[in-house]
Amino acid sequence: MTAKNKVLQENLQKIRDNFDFFDRDGNGRIDEKEFAELILAIEPHAKIAEIEKGFIEIDADQDGSIDFNEFVSWWKLCWWQY
């Protein structure tokens, strides 16, 4: 494994760990309540309307939950450098 691939794999594992932490019921998806908990942990002063809007934008297939692939896409846009 190259150094770059190792870093990417480590980053993906960190994303998975965060996803699993906020997937409180362990169903492999983050619902709107779990997403709100995640955002409020990052930004305690976030407004509910902003959280709801963000959830809708991230839920690409509009099934009412965020799967891991949707989460990764969002994470890469917002947090990849961290």
N, C-alpha and C. Protein backbone atom coordinates (compact mmCIF):
# COMPACT_ATOMS: atom_id res chain seq x y z
N MET A 1 0.85 -1.18 0.00
CA MET A 1 0.00 0.00 0.00
C MET A 1 0.89 1.24 0.00
N THR A 2 0.59 2.16 -0.89
CA THR A 2 1.38 3.38 -0.94
C THR A 2 1.03 4.27 0.25
N ALA A 3 1.89 5.24 0.51
CA ALA A 3 1.65 6.17 1.63
C ALA A 3 0.36 6.94 1.41
N LYS A 4 0.10 7.36 0.17
CA LYS A 4 -1.11 8.10 -0.13
C LYS A 4 -2.35 7.24 0.12
N ASN A 5 -2.30 6.00 -0.32
CA ASN A 5 -3.43 5.10 -0.09
C ASN A 5 -3.65 4.83 1.40
N LYS A 6 -2.56 4.75 2.14
CA LYS A 6 -2.68 4.53 3.58
C LYS A 6 -3.36 5.72 4.25
N VAL A 7 -2.99 6.93 3.85
CA VAL A 7 -3.60 8.14 4.41
C VAL A 7 -5.09 8.17 4.04
N LEU A 8 -5.41 7.87 2.79
CA LEU A 8 -6.81 7.85 2.36
C LEU A 8 -7.61 6.81 3.16
N GLN A 9 -7.01 5.64 3.36
CA GLN A 9 -7.67 4.59 4.12
C GLN A 9 -7.88 5.02 5.58
N GLU A 10 -6.89 5.67 6.16
CA GLU A 10 -7.03 6.16 7.54
C GLU A 10 -8.11 7.24 7.63
N ASN A 11 -8.16 8.13 6.64
CA ASN A 11 -9.20 9.17 6.63
C ASN A 11 -10.58 8.55 6.49
N LEU A 12 -10.69 7.55 5.62
CA LEU A 12 -11.98 6.88 5.44
C LEU A 12 -12.40 6.18 6.72
N GLN A 13 -11.45 5.61 7.44
CA GLN A 13 -11.78 4.96 8.71
C GLN A 13 -12.25 5.98 9.74
N LYS A 14 -11.64 7.15 9.76
CA LYS A 14 -12.08 8.21 10.68
C LYS A 14 -13.51 8.64 10.35
N ILE A 15 -13.80 8.75 9.04
CA ILE A 15 -15.15 9.12 8.62
C ILE A 15 -16.12 8.03 9.07
N ARG A 16 -15.75 6.77 8.87
CA ARG A 16 -16.60 5.64 9.29
C ARG A 16 -16.83 5.69 10.79
N ASP A 17 -15.80 5.96 11.55
CA ASP A 17 -15.93 6.03 13.01
C ASP A 17 -16.92 7.12 13.42
N ASN A 18 -16.83 8.28 12.77
CA ASN A 18 -17.77 9.37 13.06
C ASN A 18 -19.19 8.99 12.67
N PHE A 19 -19.33 8.39 11.51
CA PHE A 19 -20.65 7.96 11.05
C PHE A 19 -21.25 6.97 12.06
N ASP A 20 -20.47 5.97 12.43
CA ASP A 20 -20.97 4.95 13.36
C ASP A 20 -21.31 5.55 14.72
N PHE A 21 -20.52 6.52 15.17
CA PHE A 21 -20.79 7.15 16.46
C PHE A 21 -22.15 7.83 16.48
N PHE A 22 -22.48 8.53 15.39
CA PHE A 22 -23.75 9.26 15.36
C PHE A 22 -24.92 8.43 14.85
N ASP A 23 -24.63 7.26 14.32
CA ASP A 23 -25.69 6.31 13.95
C ASP A 23 -26.09 5.57 15.23
N ARG A 24 -26.81 6.28 16.09
CA ARG A 24 -27.10 5.80 17.44
C ARG A 24 -27.84 4.47 17.49
N ASP A 25 -28.74 4.24 16.53
CA ASP A 25 -29.50 2.99 16.56
C ASP A 25 -28.81 1.87 15.78
N GLY A 26 -27.67 2.17 15.15
CA GLY A 26 -26.87 1.15 14.49
C GLY A 26 -27.49 0.55 13.24
N ASN A 27 -28.40 1.30 12.59
CA ASN A 27 -29.06 0.75 11.41
C ASN A 27 -28.32 1.05 10.11
N GLY A 28 -27.14 1.67 10.21
CA GLY A 28 -26.36 1.95 9.02
C GLY A 28 -26.79 3.21 8.29
N ARG A 29 -27.64 4.01 8.93
CA ARG A 29 -28.14 5.24 8.34
C ARG A 29 -28.25 6.29 9.45
N ILE A 30 -28.11 7.55 9.08
CA ILE A 30 -28.26 8.64 10.04
C ILE A 30 -29.58 9.33 9.73
N ASP A 31 -30.48 9.31 10.70
CA ASP A 31 -31.76 9.99 10.50
C ASP A 31 -31.62 11.46 10.89
N GLU A 32 -32.69 12.19 10.75
CA GLU A 32 -32.62 13.64 10.98
C GLU A 32 -32.27 13.97 12.44
N LYS A 33 -32.77 13.21 13.37
CA LYS A 33 -32.44 13.45 14.78
C LYS A 33 -30.96 13.19 15.05
N GLU A 34 -30.44 12.09 14.52
CA GLU A 34 -29.02 11.78 14.70
C GLU A 34 -28.14 12.83 14.02
N PHE A 35 -28.58 13.30 12.86
CA PHE A 35 -27.83 14.35 12.16
C PHE A 35 -27.82 15.64 12.97
N ALA A 36 -28.94 15.97 13.57
CA ALA A 36 -29.00 17.17 14.42
C ALA A 36 -28.02 17.04 15.58
N GLU A 37 -27.93 15.86 16.19
CA GLU A 37 -26.98 15.64 17.28
C GLU A 37 -25.55 15.86 16.79
N LEU A 38 -25.25 15.37 15.60
CA LEU A 38 -23.92 15.52 15.02
C LEU A 38 -23.60 17.00 14.83
N ILE A 39 -24.49 17.73 14.18
CA ILE A 39 -24.25 19.15 13.90
C ILE A 39 -24.14 19.94 15.19
N LEU A 40 -25.01 19.67 16.15
CA LEU A 40 -24.96 20.41 17.42
C LEU A 40 -23.70 20.09 18.21
N ALA A 41 -23.13 18.91 18.01
CA ALA A 41 -21.85 18.59 18.66
C ALA A 41 -20.72 19.41 18.05
N ILE A 42 -20.83 19.67 16.75
CA ILE A 42 -19.81 20.46 16.05
C ILE A 42 -20.04 21.95 16.25
N GLU A 43 -21.30 22.35 16.13
CA GLU A 43 -21.68 23.77 16.21
C GLU A 43 -22.90 23.92 17.12
N PRO A 44 -22.66 24.09 18.44
CA PRO A 44 -23.76 24.13 19.40
C PRO A 44 -24.81 25.22 19.14
N HIS A 45 -24.46 26.25 18.41
CA HIS A 45 -25.40 27.35 18.17
C HIS A 45 -26.10 27.25 16.82
N ALA A 46 -25.97 26.11 16.16
CA ALA A 46 -26.64 25.94 14.86
C ALA A 46 -28.15 26.04 15.04
N LYS A 47 -28.78 26.62 14.06
CA LYS A 47 -30.23 26.77 14.10
C LYS A 47 -30.90 25.53 13.50
N ILE A 48 -32.03 25.15 14.07
CA ILE A 48 -32.74 23.96 13.63
C ILE A 48 -33.07 24.05 12.13
N ALA A 49 -33.49 25.20 11.66
CA ALA A 49 -33.81 25.36 10.23
C ALA A 49 -32.60 25.07 9.35
N GLU A 50 -31.42 25.49 9.79
CA GLU A 50 -30.19 25.24 9.04
C GLU A 50 -29.86 23.75 9.03
N ILE A 51 -30.06 23.10 10.17
CA ILE A 51 -29.81 21.67 10.28
C ILE A 51 -30.75 20.91 9.35
N GLU A 52 -32.03 21.28 9.37
CA GLU A 52 -33.01 20.61 8.51
C GLU A 52 -32.67 20.80 7.03
N LYS A 53 -32.27 22.01 6.67
CA LYS A 53 -31.90 22.29 5.28
C LYS A 53 -30.68 21.46 4.88
N GLY A 54 -29.67 21.41 5.75
CA GLY A 54 -28.48 20.63 5.48
C GLY A 54 -28.79 19.15 5.31
N PHE A 55 -29.67 18.64 6.16
CA PHE A 55 -30.05 17.23 6.08
C PHE A 55 -30.67 16.93 4.72
N ILE A 56 -31.58 17.78 4.29
CA ILE A 56 -32.25 17.58 3.00
C ILE A 56 -31.24 17.60 1.85
N GLU A 57 -30.28 18.50 1.93
CA GLU A 57 -29.26 18.61 0.87
C GLU A 57 -28.35 17.38 0.84
N ILE A 58 -28.01 16.85 1.98
CA ILE A 58 -27.10 15.70 2.05
C ILE A 58 -27.81 14.41 1.66
N ASP A 59 -29.08 14.29 1.99
CA ASP A 59 -29.87 13.10 1.68
C ASP A 59 -30.17 13.08 0.18
N ALA A 60 -29.18 12.73 -0.61
CA ALA A 60 -29.26 12.83 -2.08
C ALA A 60 -30.42 12.04 -2.68
N ASP A 61 -30.70 10.88 -2.13
CA ASP A 61 -31.79 10.07 -2.70
C ASP A 61 -33.14 10.37 -2.05
N GLN A 62 -33.15 11.32 -1.12
CA GLN A 62 -34.38 11.79 -0.47
C GLN A 62 -35.21 10.66 0.14
N ASP A 63 -34.50 9.72 0.79
CA ASP A 63 -35.22 8.62 1.45
C ASP A 63 -35.43 8.85 2.94
N GLY A 64 -35.07 10.04 3.41
CA GLY A 64 -35.29 10.39 4.81
C GLY A 64 -34.17 9.99 5.75
N SER A 65 -33.03 9.56 5.19
CA SER A 65 -31.87 9.23 6.01
C SER A 65 -30.61 9.42 5.17
N ILE A 66 -29.49 9.49 5.88
CA ILE A 66 -28.19 9.66 5.22
C ILE A 66 -27.44 8.35 5.33
N ASP A 67 -27.12 7.76 4.18
CA ASP A 67 -26.33 6.53 4.21
C ASP A 67 -24.84 6.90 4.23
N PHE A 68 -23.99 5.90 4.34
CA PHE A 68 -22.57 6.17 4.48
C PHE A 68 -22.00 6.90 3.27
N ASN A 69 -22.40 6.54 2.06
CA ASN A 69 -21.89 7.21 0.87
C ASN A 69 -22.27 8.68 0.84
N GLU A 70 -23.51 8.99 1.21
CA GLU A 70 -23.94 10.39 1.28
C GLU A 70 -23.13 11.13 2.33
N PHE A 71 -22.89 10.47 3.46
CA PHE A 71 -22.12 11.05 4.55
C PHE A 71 -20.69 11.35 4.11
N VAL A 72 -20.07 10.41 3.39
CA VAL A 72 -18.70 10.61 2.90
C VAL A 72 -18.64 11.79 1.95
N SER A 73 -19.60 11.89 1.05
CA SER A 73 -19.62 13.01 0.10
C SER A 73 -19.69 14.34 0.84
N TRP A 74 -20.55 14.41 1.84
CA TRP A 74 -20.69 15.63 2.64
C TRP A 74 -19.41 15.90 3.43
N TRP A 75 -18.88 14.87 4.07
CA TRP A 75 -17.69 15.02 4.91
C TRP A 75 -16.52 15.55 4.07
N LYS A 76 -16.36 14.99 2.87
CA LYS A 76 -15.26 15.43 2.01
C LYS A 76 -15.41 16.90 1.63
N LEU A 77 -16.60 17.35 1.41
CA LEU A 77 -16.82 18.77 1.08
C LEU A 77 -16.54 19.69 2.25
N CYS A 78 -16.93 19.27 3.44
CA CYS A 78 -16.88 20.15 4.61
C CYS A 78 -15.67 19.96 5.52
N TRP A 79 -15.22 18.73 5.67
CA TRP A 79 -14.28 18.43 6.76
C TRP A 79 -13.03 17.69 6.34
N TRP A 80 -12.86 17.39 5.08
CA TRP A 80 -11.77 16.51 4.66
C TRP A 80 -10.41 16.95 5.19
N GLN A 81 -10.17 18.26 5.23
CA GLN A 81 -8.87 18.74 5.68
C GLN A 81 -8.63 18.52 7.17
N TYR A 82 -9.67 18.20 7.93
CA TYR A 82 -9.51 17.98 9.36
C TYR A 82 -9.28 16.53 9.59
